[in-house]
Amino acid sequence: MTEIRTPRLLLRRWHDDDLVPMADINADPQVMRWVDDGSVLDLEQTAEAIEKWEEEWDEEGFGLFAVELLASGELAGFAGLSVPDFLPEARSEVAISWRFGSPFWGQGYASEAAHATLEFALQDRGLDRVISIIRIGDEASENVSRKLGMAPERETVHPVHGHPLNIHAIDLTEFHG
């Protein structure tokens, strides 16, 4: 089982008891406003998403980690890697992403988890390059991307929802672990 410990977080595979807290995160309009069309997800949709994330682990050898606070055991959200199937021009890439519940914002958890994920991608999984796909206007995610050392590479448009996206990238030679 793949686990990563940081000073404050445990990044791990998904457990059955993660469903309700992740569904609560996905049901928050503030959390979801930058995701796809901004719609919230219910319990069933969250269960389907977690199942898909776990399948990606089995198929690709990477995926989205459940992120747990070491101090309390609470599920704070996720951070991890995925193939961005929704974006045809980036299907050959691996994207890093994160989503945290609003009570966990502003405490550096997203940056801490994303840094550990990037290190995992480049050092453990041997990837040469990782991208992030961020909806233009999502300044919090832009800040995390900058902290990772990722550089803006190009703009594109979401093929389904039509909103503008920034694609950032970093390769192994630029990463400082």
Protein backbone atom coordinates (compact mmCIF):
# COMPACT_ATOMS: atom_id res chain seq x y z
CA MET A 1 0.00 0.00 0.00
CA THR A 2 1.35 3.39 -0.97
CA GLU A 3 1.49 5.93 1.84
CA ILE A 4 3.38 9.17 2.25
CA ARG A 5 3.87 10.94 5.56
CA THR A 6 4.64 14.62 5.77
CA PRO A 7 5.11 16.55 9.02
CA ARG A 8 1.33 17.02 9.37
CA LEU A 9 -0.35 14.74 6.84
CA LEU A 10 -0.82 11.15 5.79
CA LEU A 11 -1.40 10.63 2.06
CA ARG A 12 -2.90 7.20 1.53
CA ARG A 13 -5.27 5.07 -0.52
CA TRP A 14 -8.99 5.42 0.07
CA HIS A 15 -10.92 3.64 2.87
CA ASP A 16 -14.66 2.98 3.02
CA ASP A 17 -15.06 5.45 5.88
CA ASP A 18 -13.67 8.27 3.68
CA LEU A 19 -16.87 8.38 1.61
CA VAL A 20 -19.01 10.56 3.89
CA PRO A 21 -16.33 13.16 4.72
CA MET A 22 -15.30 13.41 1.04
CA ALA A 23 -18.96 13.73 0.04
CA ASP A 24 -19.29 16.57 2.55
CA ILE A 25 -16.31 18.31 0.92
CA ASN A 26 -17.78 17.76 -2.56
CA ALA A 27 -21.17 19.12 -1.40
CA ASP A 28 -19.69 22.52 -0.48
CA PRO A 29 -20.31 25.09 -3.26
CA GLN A 30 -17.25 27.10 -2.15
CA VAL A 31 -15.01 24.06 -2.61
CA MET A 32 -16.50 23.10 -5.96
CA ARG A 33 -16.77 26.54 -7.56
CA TRP A 34 -13.55 26.03 -9.61
CA VAL A 35 -14.20 22.36 -10.49
CA ASP A 36 -15.78 21.52 -13.86
CA ASP A 37 -19.00 23.57 -14.09
CA GLY A 38 -19.03 24.38 -10.37
CA SER A 39 -21.71 21.85 -9.48
CA VAL A 40 -21.57 20.07 -6.14
CA LEU A 41 -21.45 16.27 -5.97
CA ASP A 42 -23.71 14.09 -3.85
CA LEU A 43 -22.85 10.91 -1.95
CA GLU A 44 -23.41 8.61 -4.94
CA GLN A 45 -21.34 10.80 -7.29
CA THR A 46 -18.55 10.95 -4.70
CA ALA A 47 -18.61 7.14 -4.36
CA GLU A 48 -18.29 6.83 -8.15
CA ALA A 49 -15.40 9.31 -8.15
CA ILE A 50 -13.52 7.45 -5.40
CA GLU A 51 -14.03 4.19 -7.28
CA LYS A 52 -12.58 5.78 -10.44
CA TRP A 53 -9.62 7.17 -8.45
CA GLU A 54 -8.89 3.73 -7.02
CA GLU A 55 -9.12 2.15 -10.49
CA GLU A 56 -6.53 4.65 -11.74
CA TRP A 57 -4.18 3.52 -8.95
CA ASP A 58 -4.56 -0.07 -10.15
CA GLU A 59 -4.17 0.79 -13.84
CA GLU A 60 -1.53 3.54 -13.78
CA GLY A 61 0.41 2.98 -10.55
CA PHE A 62 -0.61 6.43 -9.32
CA GLY A 63 -3.79 8.23 -8.40
CA LEU A 64 -5.43 10.59 -5.98
CA PHE A 65 -4.41 10.13 -2.35
CA ALA A 66 -6.85 10.60 0.49
CA VAL A 67 -5.22 13.24 2.72
CA GLU A 68 -5.62 12.72 6.45
CA LEU A 69 -4.47 15.02 9.24
CA LEU A 70 -2.00 13.14 11.41
CA ALA A 71 -3.01 15.04 14.54
CA SER A 72 -6.74 14.24 14.37
CA GLY A 73 -7.23 11.50 11.76
CA GLU A 74 -9.70 13.75 9.89
CA LEU A 75 -10.00 13.48 6.12
CA ALA A 76 -9.00 16.91 4.82
CA GLY A 77 -9.42 16.17 1.11
CA PHE A 78 -7.25 14.75 -1.65
CA ALA A 79 -4.04 15.38 -3.54
CA GLY A 80 -2.56 13.25 -6.25
CA LEU A 81 -1.94 12.40 -9.86
CA SER A 82 -4.23 11.55 -12.74
CA VAL A 83 -4.36 11.38 -16.50
CA PRO A 84 -6.52 14.36 -17.58
CA ASP A 85 -8.85 12.45 -19.89
CA PHE A 86 -11.27 15.39 -20.07
CA LEU A 87 -8.69 17.51 -21.93
CA PRO A 88 -7.77 15.93 -25.30
CA GLU A 89 -4.56 17.95 -25.72
CA ALA A 90 -3.23 16.70 -22.37
CA ARG A 91 -4.23 13.01 -22.43
CA SER A 92 -0.59 11.97 -22.76
CA GLU A 93 0.35 13.98 -19.64
CA VAL A 94 0.06 13.37 -15.91
CA ALA A 95 -1.62 16.11 -13.90
CA ILE A 96 -1.31 16.91 -10.22
CA SER A 97 -4.42 18.12 -8.43
CA TRP A 98 -5.78 18.76 -4.97
CA ARG A 99 -9.10 19.49 -3.26
CA PHE A 100 -9.52 20.28 0.41
CA GLY A 101 -12.49 21.02 2.61
CA SER A 102 -12.90 24.70 3.45
CA PRO A 103 -12.09 24.20 7.18
CA PHE A 104 -8.61 23.16 6.03
CA TRP A 105 -7.90 26.16 3.78
CA GLY A 106 -5.21 28.71 4.53
CA GLN A 107 -3.08 26.37 6.64
CA GLY A 108 -0.63 25.16 4.01
CA TYR A 109 -2.09 21.65 3.78
CA ALA A 110 -2.63 21.80 0.01
CA SER A 111 0.95 22.94 -0.59
CA GLU A 112 2.35 20.31 1.79
CA ALA A 113 0.34 17.49 0.20
CA ALA A 114 1.01 18.67 -3.36
CA HIS A 115 4.76 18.91 -2.72
CA ALA A 116 4.81 15.35 -1.37
CA THR A 117 2.79 14.22 -4.39
CA LEU A 118 5.14 15.93 -6.82
CA GLU A 119 8.15 14.35 -5.15
CA PHE A 120 6.38 10.96 -5.38
CA ALA A 121 5.68 11.52 -9.09
CA LEU A 122 9.19 12.53 -10.08
CA GLN A 123 11.26 10.39 -7.72
CA ASP A 124 9.18 7.31 -6.87
CA ARG A 125 7.18 6.89 -10.09
CA GLY A 126 9.94 8.14 -12.38
CA LEU A 127 7.83 10.67 -14.26
CA ASP A 128 9.85 13.26 -16.18
CA ARG A 129 7.14 15.91 -16.20
CA VAL A 130 3.96 16.83 -14.36
CA ILE A 131 1.33 19.44 -15.25
CA SER A 132 -1.41 21.20 -13.33
CA ILE A 133 -4.62 22.37 -14.95
CA ILE A 134 -6.15 25.33 -13.14
CA ARG A 135 -9.24 27.28 -14.00
CA ILE A 136 -8.34 30.91 -14.58
CA GLY A 137 -9.35 32.91 -11.52
CA ASP A 138 -8.57 30.17 -8.98
CA GLU A 139 -5.85 32.17 -7.23
CA ALA A 140 -5.45 29.71 -4.33
CA SER A 141 -4.56 26.87 -6.72
CA GLU A 142 -2.33 29.21 -8.74
CA ASN A 143 -0.43 29.94 -5.51
CA VAL A 144 0.03 26.25 -4.73
CA SER A 145 1.27 25.66 -8.27
CA ARG A 146 3.83 28.47 -7.92
CA LYS A 147 5.02 27.10 -4.57
CA LEU A 148 5.69 23.79 -6.33
CA GLY A 149 7.94 25.58 -8.82
CA MET A 150 5.55 24.97 -11.71
CA ALA A 151 5.66 27.53 -14.50
CA PRO A 152 2.68 28.69 -16.58
CA GLU A 153 2.98 27.02 -19.97
CA ARG A 154 -0.16 27.78 -21.94
CA GLU A 155 -3.81 28.68 -21.79
CA THR A 156 -6.60 26.54 -23.16
CA VAL A 157 -10.35 26.16 -22.82
CA HIS A 158 -12.29 23.42 -21.04
CA PRO A 159 -13.74 21.36 -23.90
CA VAL A 160 -17.11 20.80 -22.20
CA HIS A 161 -17.70 23.81 -19.96
CA GLY A 162 -15.94 26.44 -22.08
CA HIS A 163 -14.09 28.28 -19.33
CA PRO A 164 -10.42 29.24 -19.67
CA LEU A 165 -7.73 27.08 -18.09
CA ASN A 166 -4.06 27.62 -17.30
CA ILE A 167 -1.70 24.73 -17.76
CA HIS A 168 1.43 24.82 -15.60
CA ALA A 169 4.30 22.38 -15.86
CA ILE A 170 7.46 21.23 -14.15
CA ASP A 171 10.01 18.65 -15.18
CA LEU A 172 12.51 16.64 -13.21
CA THR A 173 15.37 19.03 -13.95
CA GLU A 174 13.40 21.94 -12.41
CA PHE A 175 12.21 20.19 -9.26
CA HIS A 176 13.88 20.97 -5.94
CA GLY A 177 12.68 18.33 -3.50
